[in-house]
Amino acid sequence: MRISLNQDMAVKGKLHYGGDHLLDANVDIDVFAKKTQKINVVAKLNRQNLDKGHNITSVIEVNSRGQQLKVDLKSHLAISDSQFGFGSMLSYTDIHQKPKSLGVLFSANYNEAHLLVTSPNKELLKFDTKLQFKKNLQKFDSEIVIVDNKPIIVNFEAHDFNSFTYSEYRQGKVYFKLCI
């Protein structure tokens, strides 16, 4: 595909789809005074089979050397019988040409779960937990970090659904403990 605006200006691109490559597209936008100001946009969407599931990934890139533009958005979704996960990370260069990124990542399976939320320059939320579910024991141990605060530790343990212990504390300092 090519669209010409005048002799020196054009918008052109390529598109491919099918199979595991659900989409592979590339567009050049060359409508600016200088060739180096041209903007290139790339979009890819891929599918990968997992054991009893699927993983879908996408990438969108917008770049222009002359306009000092660099933006990438990478995302994924994974679903199977034993795990679930998703994420999206946006990376870019700021006005001072410093790399920055922000996004969300989540993954979980039968034994653990993780969540990470970031903004440029800092982690906003980090959550990690270990899980244990057996006939006579239900247990989880979690660590939660919010911005730059000390981690909050949460422990829960139940036996035969008759007795349980729950505790919550900031690293080194107990806030709450309940045993029944």
Protein backbone atom coordinates (compact mmCIF):
# COMPACT_ATOMS: atom_id res chain seq x y z
CA MET A 1 0.00 0.00 0.00
CA ARG A 2 1.34 3.43 -0.87
CA ILE A 3 -0.36 6.82 -0.75
CA SER A 4 1.56 9.70 -2.30
CA LEU A 5 0.72 13.22 -1.26
CA ASN A 6 3.22 14.92 -3.54
CA GLN A 7 6.59 14.03 -5.01
CA ASP A 8 8.49 13.96 -1.70
CA MET A 9 5.70 12.98 0.71
CA ALA A 10 4.23 9.49 1.17
CA VAL A 11 2.50 7.11 3.50
CA LYS A 12 3.37 3.50 2.73
CA GLY A 13 3.11 0.23 4.54
CA LYS A 14 2.98 -3.55 4.53
CA LEU A 15 0.43 -5.88 6.09
CA HIS A 16 0.67 -9.61 6.72
CA TYR A 17 -1.74 -11.79 8.67
CA GLY A 18 -2.49 -15.44 9.18
CA GLY A 19 -1.30 -18.48 11.12
CA ASP A 20 0.41 -17.80 14.44
CA HIS A 21 1.28 -14.29 13.21
CA LEU A 22 -2.16 -12.82 13.62
CA LEU A 23 -0.91 -9.42 12.43
CA ASP A 24 2.39 -8.02 11.17
CA ALA A 25 2.07 -4.44 9.95
CA ASN A 26 4.55 -1.69 9.16
CA VAL A 27 3.66 1.89 8.15
CA ASP A 28 6.06 4.71 7.21
CA ILE A 29 4.66 8.22 7.46
CA ASP A 30 6.96 10.49 5.44
CA VAL A 31 5.09 13.80 5.22
CA PHE A 32 7.61 16.02 6.99
CA ALA A 33 10.16 18.54 5.73
CA LYS A 34 13.17 16.31 6.46
CA LYS A 35 13.57 12.61 5.68
CA THR A 36 14.86 11.98 9.22
CA GLN A 37 11.52 13.18 10.62
CA LYS A 38 9.73 10.20 9.05
CA ILE A 39 7.63 8.21 11.55
CA ASN A 40 7.68 4.42 11.46
CA VAL A 41 4.85 2.45 13.10
CA VAL A 42 5.16 -1.32 13.60
CA ALA A 43 2.37 -3.51 14.99
CA LYS A 44 2.66 -7.25 15.65
CA LEU A 45 0.21 -9.69 17.18
CA ASN A 46 1.31 -13.30 17.67
CA ARG A 47 -0.26 -16.44 19.09
CA GLN A 48 1.70 -19.27 20.69
CA ASN A 49 0.23 -22.54 21.89
CA LEU A 50 0.98 -23.54 25.48
CA ASP A 51 0.36 -26.87 27.16
CA LYS A 52 -3.45 -26.81 27.36
CA GLY A 53 -3.61 -23.09 26.63
CA HIS A 54 -2.55 -20.09 24.58
CA ASN A 55 -0.28 -17.06 24.82
CA ILE A 56 -1.05 -13.91 22.83
CA THR A 57 1.62 -11.20 22.54
CA SER A 58 1.47 -7.80 20.92
CA VAL A 59 4.05 -5.15 20.15
CA ILE A 60 3.42 -1.62 18.92
CA GLU A 61 6.43 0.57 18.15
CA VAL A 62 6.41 4.20 17.04
CA ASN A 63 9.82 5.62 16.11
CA SER A 64 11.28 8.72 14.49
CA ARG A 65 14.98 9.51 14.72
CA GLY A 66 14.55 13.11 13.53
CA GLN A 67 11.67 13.81 15.91
CA GLN A 68 13.40 12.02 18.81
CA LEU A 69 10.35 9.79 19.15
CA LYS A 70 10.60 6.28 20.58
CA VAL A 71 7.52 4.60 22.07
CA ASP A 72 6.99 0.83 22.56
CA LEU A 73 3.94 -0.92 23.97
CA LYS A 74 4.40 -4.63 24.70
CA SER A 75 1.50 -6.71 26.00
CA HIS A 76 0.70 -10.36 26.63
CA LEU A 77 -2.08 -12.63 27.80
CA ALA A 78 -1.40 -16.25 28.80
CA ILE A 79 -4.17 -18.68 29.70
CA SER A 80 -3.87 -22.40 30.35
CA ASP A 81 -5.18 -25.08 32.69
CA SER A 82 -2.42 -24.37 35.19
CA GLN A 83 -1.62 -20.66 34.84
CA PHE A 84 -2.98 -17.23 34.01
CA GLY A 85 -1.04 -14.08 33.30
CA PHE A 86 -1.24 -10.73 31.58
CA GLY A 87 0.85 -7.64 31.29
CA SER A 88 1.39 -4.44 29.42
CA MET A 89 4.52 -2.29 29.53
CA LEU A 90 4.85 1.11 27.86
CA SER A 91 8.43 2.26 27.25
CA TYR A 92 9.40 5.64 25.86
CA THR A 93 12.10 8.28 25.87
CA ASP A 94 11.19 11.48 27.65
CA ILE A 95 11.86 15.04 26.49
CA HIS A 96 15.46 14.74 27.80
CA GLN A 97 15.92 11.43 25.88
CA LYS A 98 15.98 9.40 29.10
CA PRO A 99 14.32 5.95 28.88
CA LYS A 100 11.15 5.55 30.96
CA SER A 101 8.64 2.75 31.39
CA LEU A 102 5.38 2.02 33.16
CA GLY A 103 2.97 -0.86 33.23
CA VAL A 104 1.31 -3.81 34.91
CA LEU A 105 2.38 -7.46 35.12
CA PHE A 106 0.33 -10.23 36.72
CA SER A 107 0.84 -14.00 36.87
CA ALA A 108 -0.75 -16.76 38.91
CA ASN A 109 -0.72 -20.54 39.13
CA TYR A 110 -1.72 -23.08 41.76
CA ASN A 111 1.33 -22.32 43.94
CA GLU A 112 1.93 -18.59 43.66
CA ALA A 113 0.70 -15.22 42.40
CA HIS A 114 2.57 -12.04 41.51
CA LEU A 115 1.50 -8.48 40.67
CA LEU A 116 3.73 -5.55 39.73
CA VAL A 117 2.52 -2.02 38.95
CA THR A 118 5.16 0.49 37.87
CA SER A 119 5.27 4.14 36.94
CA PRO A 120 8.24 5.97 35.48
CA ASN A 121 11.11 5.78 37.98
CA LYS A 122 9.38 3.69 40.66
CA GLU A 123 7.42 0.61 41.61
CA LEU A 124 3.97 1.59 42.84
CA LEU A 125 2.81 -1.84 43.99
CA LYS A 126 4.49 -5.22 44.28
CA PHE A 127 2.57 -8.24 45.56
CA ASP A 128 3.99 -11.76 45.86
CA THR A 129 2.22 -14.68 47.50
CA LYS A 130 2.88 -18.38 47.96
CA LEU A 131 -0.18 -20.63 48.13
CA GLN A 132 -0.72 -24.08 49.57
CA PHE A 133 -4.07 -25.87 49.37
CA LYS A 134 -4.25 -29.41 50.65
CA LYS A 135 -7.05 -31.46 52.19
CA ASN A 136 -6.16 -30.52 55.78
CA LEU A 137 -4.15 -27.33 55.20
CA GLN A 138 -4.93 -24.05 53.50
CA LYS A 139 -2.08 -21.53 53.68
CA PHE A 140 -0.77 -18.40 52.05
CA ASP A 141 2.22 -16.20 52.77
CA SER A 142 2.24 -12.79 51.10
CA GLU A 143 4.49 -9.77 50.85
CA ILE A 144 3.08 -6.42 49.72
CA VAL A 145 5.19 -3.36 48.99
CA ILE A 146 3.41 -0.07 48.34
CA VAL A 147 5.59 2.67 46.82
CA ASP A 148 8.78 2.92 48.91
CA ASN A 149 7.33 1.71 52.23
CA LYS A 150 8.62 -1.30 54.13
CA PRO A 151 6.99 -4.57 53.03
CA ILE A 152 3.77 -5.71 54.68
CA ILE A 153 3.82 -9.43 55.45
CA VAL A 154 0.52 -11.34 55.62
CA ASN A 155 0.31 -14.98 56.73
CA PHE A 156 -2.80 -17.15 56.89
CA GLU A 157 -2.99 -20.80 57.85
CA ALA A 158 -6.11 -22.91 58.37
CA HIS A 159 -6.33 -26.56 59.48
CA ASP A 160 -9.37 -28.64 58.51
CA PHE A 161 -11.42 -25.42 58.42
CA ASN A 162 -11.59 -25.71 62.26
CA SER A 163 -8.75 -23.46 63.36
CA PHE A 164 -6.77 -20.74 61.71
CA THR A 165 -3.97 -18.28 62.30
CA TYR A 166 -3.78 -14.87 60.63
CA SER A 167 -0.98 -12.36 61.10
CA GLU A 168 -0.15 -9.10 59.42
CA TYR A 169 2.89 -6.97 60.09
CA ARG A 170 5.29 -4.53 58.57
CA GLN A 171 8.72 -6.09 58.30
CA GLY A 172 9.95 -6.43 61.91
CA LYS A 173 6.81 -5.00 63.58
CA VAL A 174 3.61 -7.04 64.31
CA TYR A 175 0.34 -5.15 63.71
CA PHE A 176 -2.26 -7.82 64.00
CA LYS A 177 -2.34 -11.50 64.93
CA LEU A 178 -5.42 -13.64 65.39
CA CYS A 179 -5.49 -17.33 66.32
CA ILE A 180 -8.66 -19.35 66.61
